[in-house]
Amino acid sequence: MCKHLLNRLIIATFAGLILNRMKLLLTIGVTAAAMLLLCIRLLLQKNGHFSSEHISENKKMKENGIRCATAQDKETRQKNNHKINIKNL
């Protein structure tokens, strides 16, 4: 009986190893396919590079009046008339 349980344990262990390797190969395959598709996109594009993803350089964002949060924050801080002047305290 003990031998039977040991054989089942060994089979389960090898089955687990095979399943883990299959998952690894599937993950590598999906990643490779994604990279290949990105490369094909670069080759087929007119200028051969990705457009900028930064908000301030996006044409549609400019048309809608949406700007970079950092730039908006900087502008708001410069317009602040309620600053505390430490020298006068």
PDB file of N, CA and C in Angstrom:
ATOM      1  N   MET A   1       0.810  -1.183   0.000  1.00  0.00           N
ATOM      2  CA  MET A   1       0.000   0.000   0.000  1.00  0.00           C
ATOM      3  C   MET A   1       0.862   1.260   0.000  1.00  0.00           C
ATOM      4  N   CYS A   2       1.918   1.247   0.756  1.00  0.00           N
ATOM      5  CA  CYS A   2       2.810   2.388   0.829  1.00  0.00           C
ATOM      6  C   CYS A   2       3.469   2.645  -0.532  1.00  0.00           C
ATOM      7  N   LYS A   3       3.793   1.564  -1.230  1.00  0.00           N
ATOM      8  CA  LYS A   3       4.409   1.669  -2.547  1.00  0.00           C
ATOM      9  C   LYS A   3       3.437   2.300  -3.541  1.00  0.00           C
ATOM     10  N   HIS A   4       2.168   1.960  -3.412  1.00  0.00           N
ATOM     11  CA  HIS A   4       1.135   2.501  -4.277  1.00  0.00           C
ATOM     12  C   HIS A   4       0.994   4.019  -4.078  1.00  0.00           C
ATOM     13  N   LEU A   5       1.009   4.461  -2.819  1.00  0.00           N
ATOM     14  CA  LEU A   5       0.915   5.892  -2.518  1.00  0.00           C
ATOM     15  C   LEU A   5       2.143   6.639  -2.999  1.00  0.00           C
ATOM     16  N   LEU A   6       3.303   6.028  -2.867  1.00  0.00           N
ATOM     17  CA  LEU A   6       4.539   6.639  -3.339  1.00  0.00           C
ATOM     18  C   LEU A   6       4.511   6.803  -4.856  1.00  0.00           C
ATOM     19  N   ASN A   7       4.031   5.802  -5.578  1.00  0.00           N
ATOM     20  CA  ASN A   7       3.916   5.909  -7.032  1.00  0.00           C
ATOM     21  C   ASN A   7       2.955   7.028  -7.428  1.00  0.00           C
ATOM     22  N   ARG A   8       1.845   7.147  -6.722  1.00  0.00           N
ATOM     23  CA  ARG A   8       0.881   8.220  -7.024  1.00  0.00           C
ATOM     24  C   ARG A   8       1.512   9.591  -6.769  1.00  0.00           C
ATOM     25  N   LEU A   9       2.290   9.713  -5.704  1.00  0.00           N
ATOM     26  CA  LEU A   9       2.951  10.963  -5.372  1.00  0.00           C
ATOM     27  C   LEU A   9       3.958  11.339  -6.452  1.00  0.00           C
ATOM     28  N   ILE A  10       4.717  10.383  -6.916  1.00  0.00           N
ATOM     29  CA  ILE A  10       5.704  10.638  -7.970  1.00  0.00           C
ATOM     30  C   ILE A  10       5.006  11.055  -9.255  1.00  0.00           C
ATOM     31  N   ILE A  11       3.940  10.395  -9.609  1.00  0.00           N
ATOM     32  CA  ILE A  11       3.196  10.741 -10.827  1.00  0.00           C
ATOM     33  C   ILE A  11       2.610  12.144 -10.702  1.00  0.00           C
ATOM     34  N   ALA A  12       2.062  12.473  -9.548  1.00  0.00           N
ATOM     35  CA  ALA A  12       1.485  13.805  -9.330  1.00  0.00           C
ATOM     36  C   ALA A  12       2.565  14.875  -9.402  1.00  0.00           C
ATOM     37  N   THR A  13       3.734  14.577  -8.873  1.00  0.00           N
ATOM     38  CA  THR A  13       4.840  15.536  -8.913  1.00  0.00           C
ATOM     39  C   THR A  13       5.282  15.784 -10.344  1.00  0.00           C
ATOM     40  N   PHE A  14       5.458  14.740 -11.127  1.00  0.00           N
ATOM     41  CA  PHE A  14       5.864  14.913 -12.525  1.00  0.00           C
ATOM     42  C   PHE A  14       4.781  15.612 -13.339  1.00  0.00           C
ATOM     43  N   ALA A  15       3.523  15.306 -13.037  1.00  0.00           N
ATOM     44  CA  ALA A  15       2.427  15.987 -13.735  1.00  0.00           C
ATOM     45  C   ALA A  15       2.450  17.475 -13.419  1.00  0.00           C
ATOM     46  N   GLY A  16       2.736  17.816 -12.180  1.00  0.00           N
ATOM     47  CA  GLY A  16       2.836  19.227 -11.785  1.00  0.00           C
ATOM     48  C   GLY A  16       3.986  19.923 -12.491  1.00  0.00           C
ATOM     49  N   LEU A  17       5.119  19.242 -12.601  1.00  0.00           N
ATOM     50  CA  LEU A  17       6.268  19.817 -13.293  1.00  0.00           C
ATOM     51  C   LEU A  17       5.965  20.052 -14.770  1.00  0.00           C
ATOM     52  N   ILE A  18       5.321  19.098 -15.390  1.00  0.00           N
ATOM     53  CA  ILE A  18       4.966  19.237 -16.801  1.00  0.00           C
ATOM     54  C   ILE A  18       3.988  20.389 -16.990  1.00  0.00           C
ATOM     55  N   LEU A  19       3.021  20.518 -16.107  1.00  0.00           N
ATOM     56  CA  LEU A  19       2.043  21.598 -16.183  1.00  0.00           C
ATOM     57  C   LEU A  19       2.716  22.954 -15.997  1.00  0.00           C
ATOM     58  N   ASN A  20       3.646  23.051 -15.057  1.00  0.00           N
ATOM     59  CA  ASN A  20       4.370  24.301 -14.841  1.00  0.00           C
ATOM     60  C   ASN A  20       5.201  24.668 -16.063  1.00  0.00           C
ATOM     61  N   ARG A  21       5.831  23.692 -16.686  1.00  0.00           N
ATOM     62  CA  ARG A  21       6.617  23.963 -17.898  1.00  0.00           C
ATOM     63  C   ARG A  21       5.725  24.406 -19.042  1.00  0.00           C
ATOM     64  N   MET A  22       4.537  23.819 -19.123  1.00  0.00           N
ATOM     65  CA  MET A  22       3.600  24.219 -20.177  1.00  0.00           C
ATOM     66  C   MET A  22       3.142  25.660 -19.950  1.00  0.00           C
ATOM     67  N   LYS A  23       2.886  26.030 -18.701  1.00  0.00           N
ATOM     68  CA  LYS A  23       2.507  27.407 -18.386  1.00  0.00           C
ATOM     69  C   LYS A  23       3.636  28.369 -18.747  1.00  0.00           C
ATOM     70  N   LEU A  24       4.858  27.987 -18.421  1.00  0.00           N
ATOM     71  CA  LEU A  24       6.016  28.820 -18.743  1.00  0.00           C
ATOM     72  C   LEU A  24       6.157  29.001 -20.248  1.00  0.00           C
ATOM     73  N   LEU A  25       6.039  27.913 -20.999  1.00  0.00           N
ATOM     74  CA  LEU A  25       6.141  28.004 -22.456  1.00  0.00           C
ATOM     75  C   LEU A  25       5.021  28.838 -23.047  1.00  0.00           C
ATOM     76  N   LEU A  26       3.823  28.718 -22.506  1.00  0.00           N
ATOM     77  CA  LEU A  26       2.702  29.522 -22.975  1.00  0.00           C
ATOM     78  C   LEU A  26       2.952  31.006 -22.701  1.00  0.00           C
ATOM     79  N   THR A  27       3.461  31.326 -21.527  1.00  0.00           N
ATOM     80  CA  THR A  27       3.767  32.713 -21.179  1.00  0.00           C
ATOM     81  C   THR A  27       4.834  33.285 -22.095  1.00  0.00           C
ATOM     82  N   ILE A  28       5.879  32.517 -22.345  1.00  0.00           N
ATOM     83  CA  ILE A  28       6.945  32.965 -23.248  1.00  0.00           C
ATOM     84  C   ILE A  28       6.398  33.148 -24.660  1.00  0.00           C
ATOM     85  N   GLY A  29       5.540  32.233 -25.097  1.00  0.00           N
ATOM     86  CA  GLY A  29       4.953  32.334 -26.433  1.00  0.00           C
ATOM     87  C   GLY A  29       4.078  33.562 -26.598  1.00  0.00           C
ATOM     88  N   VAL A  30       3.246  33.857 -25.615  1.00  0.00           N
ATOM     89  CA  VAL A  30       2.383  35.043 -25.694  1.00  0.00           C
ATOM     90  C   VAL A  30       3.218  36.318 -25.682  1.00  0.00           C
ATOM     91  N   THR A  31       4.240  36.366 -24.846  1.00  0.00           N
ATOM     92  CA  THR A  31       5.123  37.530 -24.797  1.00  0.00           C
ATOM     93  C   THR A  31       5.856  37.714 -26.121  1.00  0.00           C
ATOM     94  N   ALA A  32       6.352  36.644 -26.690  1.00  0.00           N
ATOM     95  CA  ALA A  32       7.048  36.728 -27.977  1.00  0.00           C
ATOM     96  C   ALA A  32       6.104  37.193 -29.084  1.00  0.00           C
ATOM     97  N   ALA A  33       4.867  36.711 -29.081  1.00  0.00           N
ATOM     98  CA  ALA A  33       3.893  37.134 -30.091  1.00  0.00           C
ATOM     99  C   ALA A  33       3.590  38.624 -29.958  1.00  0.00           C
ATOM    100  N   ALA A  34       3.458  39.113 -28.729  1.00  0.00           N
ATOM    101  CA  ALA A  34       3.196  40.544 -28.510  1.00  0.00           C
ATOM    102  C   ALA A  34       4.365  41.390 -29.009  1.00  0.00           C
ATOM    103  N   MET A  35       5.568  40.962 -28.708  1.00  0.00           N
ATOM    104  CA  MET A  35       6.750  41.697 -29.173  1.00  0.00           C
ATOM    105  C   MET A  35       6.838  41.689 -30.695  1.00  0.00           C
ATOM    106  N   LEU A  36       6.530  40.579 -31.308  1.00  0.00           N
ATOM    107  CA  LEU A  36       6.552  40.475 -32.763  1.00  0.00           C
ATOM    108  C   LEU A  36       5.530  41.421 -33.387  1.00  0.00           C
ATOM    109  N   LEU A  37       4.335  41.472 -32.817  1.00  0.00           N
ATOM    110  CA  LEU A  37       3.308  42.363 -33.348  1.00  0.00           C
ATOM    111  C   LEU A  37       3.697  43.834 -33.188  1.00  0.00           C
ATOM    112  N   LEU A  38       4.346  44.172 -32.091  1.00  0.00           N
ATOM    113  CA  LEU A  38       4.820  45.551 -31.914  1.00  0.00           C
ATOM    114  C   LEU A  38       5.895  45.898 -32.946  1.00  0.00           C
ATOM    115  N   CYS A  39       6.775  44.957 -33.228  1.00  0.00           N
ATOM    116  CA  CYS A  39       7.812  45.182 -34.240  1.00  0.00           C
ATOM    117  C   CYS A  39       7.192  45.350 -35.615  1.00  0.00           C
ATOM    118  N   ILE A  40       6.198  44.556 -35.929  1.00  0.00           N
ATOM    119  CA  ILE A  40       5.533  44.668 -37.227  1.00  0.00           C
ATOM    120  C   ILE A  40       4.861  46.033 -37.339  1.00  0.00           C
ATOM    121  N   ARG A  41       4.246  46.482 -36.247  1.00  0.00           N
ATOM    122  CA  ARG A  41       3.603  47.804 -36.256  1.00  0.00           C
ATOM    123  C   ARG A  41       4.631  48.886 -36.551  1.00  0.00           C
ATOM    124  N   LEU A  42       5.805  48.795 -35.968  1.00  0.00           N
ATOM    125  CA  LEU A  42       6.841  49.797 -36.220  1.00  0.00           C
ATOM    126  C   LEU A  42       7.298  49.767 -37.674  1.00  0.00           C
ATOM    127  N   LEU A  43       7.397  48.577 -38.238  1.00  0.00           N
ATOM    128  CA  LEU A  43       7.843  48.461 -39.630  1.00  0.00           C
ATOM    129  C   LEU A  43       6.807  49.007 -40.607  1.00  0.00           C
ATOM    130  N   LEU A  44       5.532  48.839 -40.299  1.00  0.00           N
ATOM    131  CA  LEU A  44       4.485  49.261 -41.212  1.00  0.00           C
ATOM    132  C   LEU A  44       4.074  50.722 -41.039  1.00  0.00           C
ATOM    133  N   GLN A  45       4.470  51.361 -39.957  1.00  0.00           N
ATOM    134  CA  GLN A  45       4.114  52.762 -39.746  1.00  0.00           C
ATOM    135  C   GLN A  45       4.898  53.654 -40.679  1.00  0.00           C
ATOM    136  N   LYS A  46       4.330  54.823 -40.932  1.00  0.00           N
ATOM    137  CA  LYS A  46       4.925  55.764 -41.871  1.00  0.00           C
ATOM    138  C   LYS A  46       6.320  56.215 -41.439  1.00  0.00           C
ATOM    139  N   ASN A  47       6.441  56.729 -40.211  1.00  0.00           N
ATOM    140  CA  ASN A  47       7.731  57.242 -39.744  1.00  0.00           C
ATOM    141  C   ASN A  47       8.563  56.194 -39.003  1.00  0.00           C
ATOM    142  N   GLY A  48       7.970  55.083 -38.701  1.00  0.00           N
ATOM    143  CA  GLY A  48       8.704  53.996 -38.052  1.00  0.00           C
ATOM    144  C   GLY A  48       8.997  54.213 -36.583  1.00  0.00           C
ATOM    145  N   HIS A  49       8.187  55.020 -35.880  1.00  0.00           N
ATOM    146  CA  HIS A  49       8.361  55.176 -34.446  1.00  0.00           C
ATOM    147  C   HIS A  49       7.007  55.407 -33.790  1.00  0.00           C
ATOM    148  N   PHE A  50       6.948  55.180 -32.481  1.00  0.00           N
ATOM    149  CA  PHE A  50       5.713  55.382 -31.749  1.00  0.00           C
ATOM    150  C   PHE A  50       5.500  56.871 -31.535  1.00  0.00           C
ATOM    151  N   SER A  51       4.253  57.289 -31.579  1.00  0.00           N
ATOM    152  CA  SER A  51       3.957  58.679 -31.266  1.00  0.00           C
ATOM    153  C   SER A  51       4.132  58.888 -29.769  1.00  0.00           C
ATOM    154  N   SER A  52       4.331  60.130 -29.393  1.00  0.00           N
ATOM    155  CA  SER A  52       4.531  60.437 -27.978  1.00  0.00           C
ATOM    156  C   SER A  52       3.246  60.196 -27.210  1.00  0.00           C
ATOM    157  N   GLU A  53       3.353  59.638 -26.042  1.00  0.00           N
ATOM    158  CA  GLU A  53       2.204  59.369 -25.201  1.00  0.00           C
ATOM    159  C   GLU A  53       2.017  60.471 -24.158  1.00  0.00           C
ATOM    160  N   HIS A  54       2.877  61.493 -24.183  1.00  0.00           N
ATOM    161  CA  HIS A  54       2.784  62.569 -23.213  1.00  0.00           C
ATOM    162  C   HIS A  54       1.595  63.458 -23.546  1.00  0.00           C
ATOM    163  N   ILE A  55       0.856  63.880 -22.540  1.00  0.00           N
ATOM    164  CA  ILE A  55      -0.379  64.632 -22.725  1.00  0.00           C
ATOM    165  C   ILE A  55      -0.132  65.933 -23.483  1.00  0.00           C
ATOM    166  N   SER A  56       0.946  66.622 -23.159  1.00  0.00           N
ATOM    167  CA  SER A  56       1.180  67.930 -23.782  1.00  0.00           C
ATOM    168  C   SER A  56       1.514  67.831 -25.270  1.00  0.00           C
ATOM    169  N   GLU A  57       1.876  66.677 -25.753  1.00  0.00           N
ATOM    170  CA  GLU A  57       2.223  66.503 -27.166  1.00  0.00           C
ATOM    171  C   GLU A  57       1.136  65.779 -27.956  1.00  0.00           C
ATOM    172  N   ASN A  58       0.016  65.475 -27.321  1.00  0.00           N
ATOM    173  CA  ASN A  58      -1.067  64.759 -27.974  1.00  0.00           C
ATOM    174  C   ASN A  58      -2.051  65.756 -28.598  1.00  0.00           C
ATOM    175  N   LYS A  59      -2.280  65.634 -29.910  1.00  0.00           N
ATOM    176  CA  LYS A  59      -3.108  66.581 -30.642  1.00  0.00           C
ATOM    177  C   LYS A  59      -4.553  66.592 -30.142  1.00  0.00           C
ATOM    178  N   LYS A  60      -5.137  65.441 -29.909  1.00  0.00           N
ATOM    179  CA  LYS A  60      -6.523  65.358 -29.449  1.00  0.00           C
ATOM    180  C   LYS A  60      -6.699  65.967 -28.056  1.00  0.00           C
ATOM    181  N   MET A  61      -5.719  65.760 -27.191  1.00  0.00           N
ATOM    182  CA  MET A  61      -5.791  66.338 -25.848  1.00  0.00           C
ATOM    183  C   MET A  61      -5.737  67.870 -25.929  1.00  0.00           C
ATOM    184  N   LYS A  62      -4.888  68.402 -26.803  1.00  0.00           N
ATOM    185  CA  LYS A  62      -4.791  69.852 -26.974  1.00  0.00           C
ATOM    186  C   LYS A  62      -6.105  70.419 -27.481  1.00  0.00           C
ATOM    187  N   GLU A  63      -6.732  69.721 -28.427  1.00  0.00           N
ATOM    188  CA  GLU A  63      -8.002  70.185 -28.976  1.00  0.00           C
ATOM    189  C   GLU A  63      -9.085  70.268 -27.900  1.00  0.00           C
ATOM    190  N   ASN A  64      -9.052  69.369 -26.932  1.00  0.00           N
ATOM    191  CA  ASN A  64     -10.042  69.349 -25.854  1.00  0.00           C
ATOM    192  C   ASN A  64      -9.659  70.232 -24.669  1.00  0.00           C
ATOM    193  N   GLY A  65      -8.501  70.887 -24.751  1.00  0.00           N
ATOM    194  CA  GLY A  65      -8.060  71.766 -23.671  1.00  0.00           C
ATOM    195  C   GLY A  65      -7.492  71.048 -22.473  1.00  0.00           C
ATOM    196  N   ILE A  66      -7.139  69.795 -22.643  1.00  0.00           N
ATOM    197  CA  ILE A  66      -6.568  69.007 -21.544  1.00  0.00           C
ATOM    198  C   ILE A  66      -5.061  69.167 -21.576  1.00  0.00           C
ATOM    199  N   ARG A  67      -4.509  69.532 -20.424  1.00  0.00           N
ATOM    200  CA  ARG A  67      -3.060  69.733 -20.351  1.00  0.00           C
ATOM    201  C   ARG A  67      -2.455  68.838 -19.293  1.00  0.00           C
ATOM    202  N   CYS A  68      -1.153  68.870 -19.226  1.00  0.00           N
ATOM    203  CA  CYS A  68      -0.410  68.065 -18.256  1.00  0.00           C
ATOM    204  C   CYS A  68      -0.726  68.544 -16.842  1.00  0.00           C
ATOM    205  N   ALA A  69      -0.946  67.623 -15.925  1.00  0.00           N
ATOM    206  CA  ALA A  69      -1.278  67.966 -14.540  1.00  0.00           C
ATOM    207  C   ALA A  69      -0.142  68.737 -13.877  1.00  0.00           C
ATOM    208  N   THR A  70       1.081  68.403 -14.197  1.00  0.00           N
ATOM    209  CA  THR A  70       2.219  69.099 -13.606  1.00  0.00           C
ATOM    210  C   THR A  70       2.255  70.550 -14.059  1.00  0.00           C
ATOM    211  N   ALA A  71       2.002  70.784 -15.356  1.00  0.00           N
ATOM    212  CA  ALA A  71       1.999  72.150 -15.881  1.00  0.00           C
ATOM    213  C   ALA A  71       0.848  72.955 -15.288  1.00  0.00           C
ATOM    214  N   GLN A  72      -0.310  72.336 -15.153  1.00  0.00           N
ATOM    215  CA  GLN A  72      -1.449  73.026 -14.555  1.00  0.00           C
ATOM    216  C   GLN A  72      -1.174  73.377 -13.099  1.00  0.00           C
ATOM    217  N   ASP A  73      -0.561  72.474 -12.364  1.00  0.00           N
ATOM    218  CA  ASP A  73      -0.233  72.717 -10.971  1.00  0.00           C
ATOM    219  C   ASP A  73       0.760  73.871 -10.850  1.00  0.00           C
ATOM    220  N   LYS A  74       1.760  73.896 -11.708  1.00  0.00           N
ATOM    221  CA  LYS A  74       2.765  74.959 -11.687  1.00  0.00           C
ATOM    222  C   LYS A  74       2.117  76.312 -11.974  1.00  0.00           C
ATOM    223  N   GLU A  75       1.249  76.342 -12.950  1.00  0.00           N
ATOM    224  CA  GLU A  75       0.553  77.578 -13.307  1.00  0.00           C
ATOM    225  C   GLU A  75      -0.332  78.064 -12.155  1.00  0.00           C
ATOM    226  N   THR A  76      -1.029  77.155 -11.508  1.00  0.00           N
ATOM    227  CA  THR A  76      -1.895  77.512 -10.387  1.00  0.00           C
ATOM    228  C   THR A  76      -1.081  78.053  -9.218  1.00  0.00           C
ATOM    229  N   ARG A  77       0.063  77.465  -8.958  1.00  0.00           N
ATOM    230  CA  ARG A  77       0.908  77.925  -7.853  1.00  0.00           C
ATOM    231  C   ARG A  77       1.461  79.320  -8.121  1.00  0.00           C
ATOM    232  N   GLN A  78       1.764  79.634  -9.385  1.00  0.00           N
ATOM    233  CA  GLN A  78       2.284  80.955  -9.718  1.00  0.00           C
ATOM    234  C   GLN A  78       1.206  82.026  -9.595  1.00  0.00           C
ATOM    235  N   LYS A  79      -0.053  81.672  -9.834  1.00  0.00           N
ATOM    236  CA  LYS A  79      -1.154  82.621  -9.758  1.00  0.00           C
ATOM    237  C   LYS A  79      -1.685  82.808  -8.332  1.00  0.00           C
ATOM    238  N   ASN A  80      -1.194  82.071  -7.369  1.00  0.00           N
ATOM    239  CA  ASN A  80      -1.709  82.094  -6.003  1.00  0.00           C
ATOM    240  C   ASN A  80      -1.409  83.445  -5.353  1.00  0.00           C
ATOM    241  N   ASN A  81      -2.456  84.213  -5.013  1.00  0.00           N
ATOM    242  CA  ASN A  81      -2.297  85.521  -4.378  1.00  0.00           C
ATOM    243  C   ASN A  81      -2.317  85.428  -2.859  1.00  0.00           C
ATOM    244  N   HIS A  82      -2.513  84.267  -2.298  1.00  0.00           N
ATOM    245  CA  HIS A  82      -2.633  84.082  -0.859  1.00  0.00           C
ATOM    246  C   HIS A  82      -1.374  83.457  -0.265  1.00  0.00           C
ATOM    247  N   LYS A  83      -0.246  83.764  -0.848  1.00  0.00           N
ATOM    248  CA  LYS A  83       1.007  83.206  -0.335  1.00  0.00           C
ATOM    249  C   LYS A  83       1.328  83.811   1.036  1.00  0.00           C
ATOM    250  N   ILE A  84       1.946  83.042   1.874  1.00  0.00           N
ATOM    251  CA  ILE A  84       2.377  83.526   3.186  1.00  0.00           C
ATOM    252  C   ILE A  84       3.812  83.962   3.069  1.00  0.00           C
ATOM    253  N   ASN A  85       4.066  85.196   3.389  1.00  0.00           N
ATOM    254  CA  ASN A  85       5.410  85.720   3.338  1.00  0.00           C
ATOM    255  C   ASN A  85       6.053  85.516   4.707  1.00  0.00           C
ATOM    256  N   ILE A  86       7.018  84.681   4.801  1.00  0.00           N
ATOM    257  CA  ILE A  86       7.657  84.332   6.076  1.00  0.00           C
ATOM    258  C   ILE A  86       8.449  85.500   6.622  1.00  0.00           C
ATOM    259  N   LYS A  87       8.973  86.379   5.776  1.00  0.00           N
ATOM    260  CA  LYS A  87       9.796  87.502   6.225  1.00  0.00           C
ATOM    261  C   LYS A  87       8.971  88.502   7.034  1.00  0.00           C
ATOM    262  N   ASN A  88       7.687  88.598   6.754  1.00  0.00           N
ATOM    263  CA  ASN A  88       6.846  89.570   7.452  1.00  0.00           C
ATOM    264  C   ASN A  88       6.315  89.047   8.788  1.00  0.00           C
ATOM    265  N   LEU A  89       6.536  87.790   9.097  1.00  0.00           N
ATOM    266  CA  LEU A  89       6.011  87.250  10.364  1.00  0.00           C
ATOM    267  C   LEU A  89       6.815  87.656  11.524  1.00  0.00           C
TER     268      LEU A  89
END
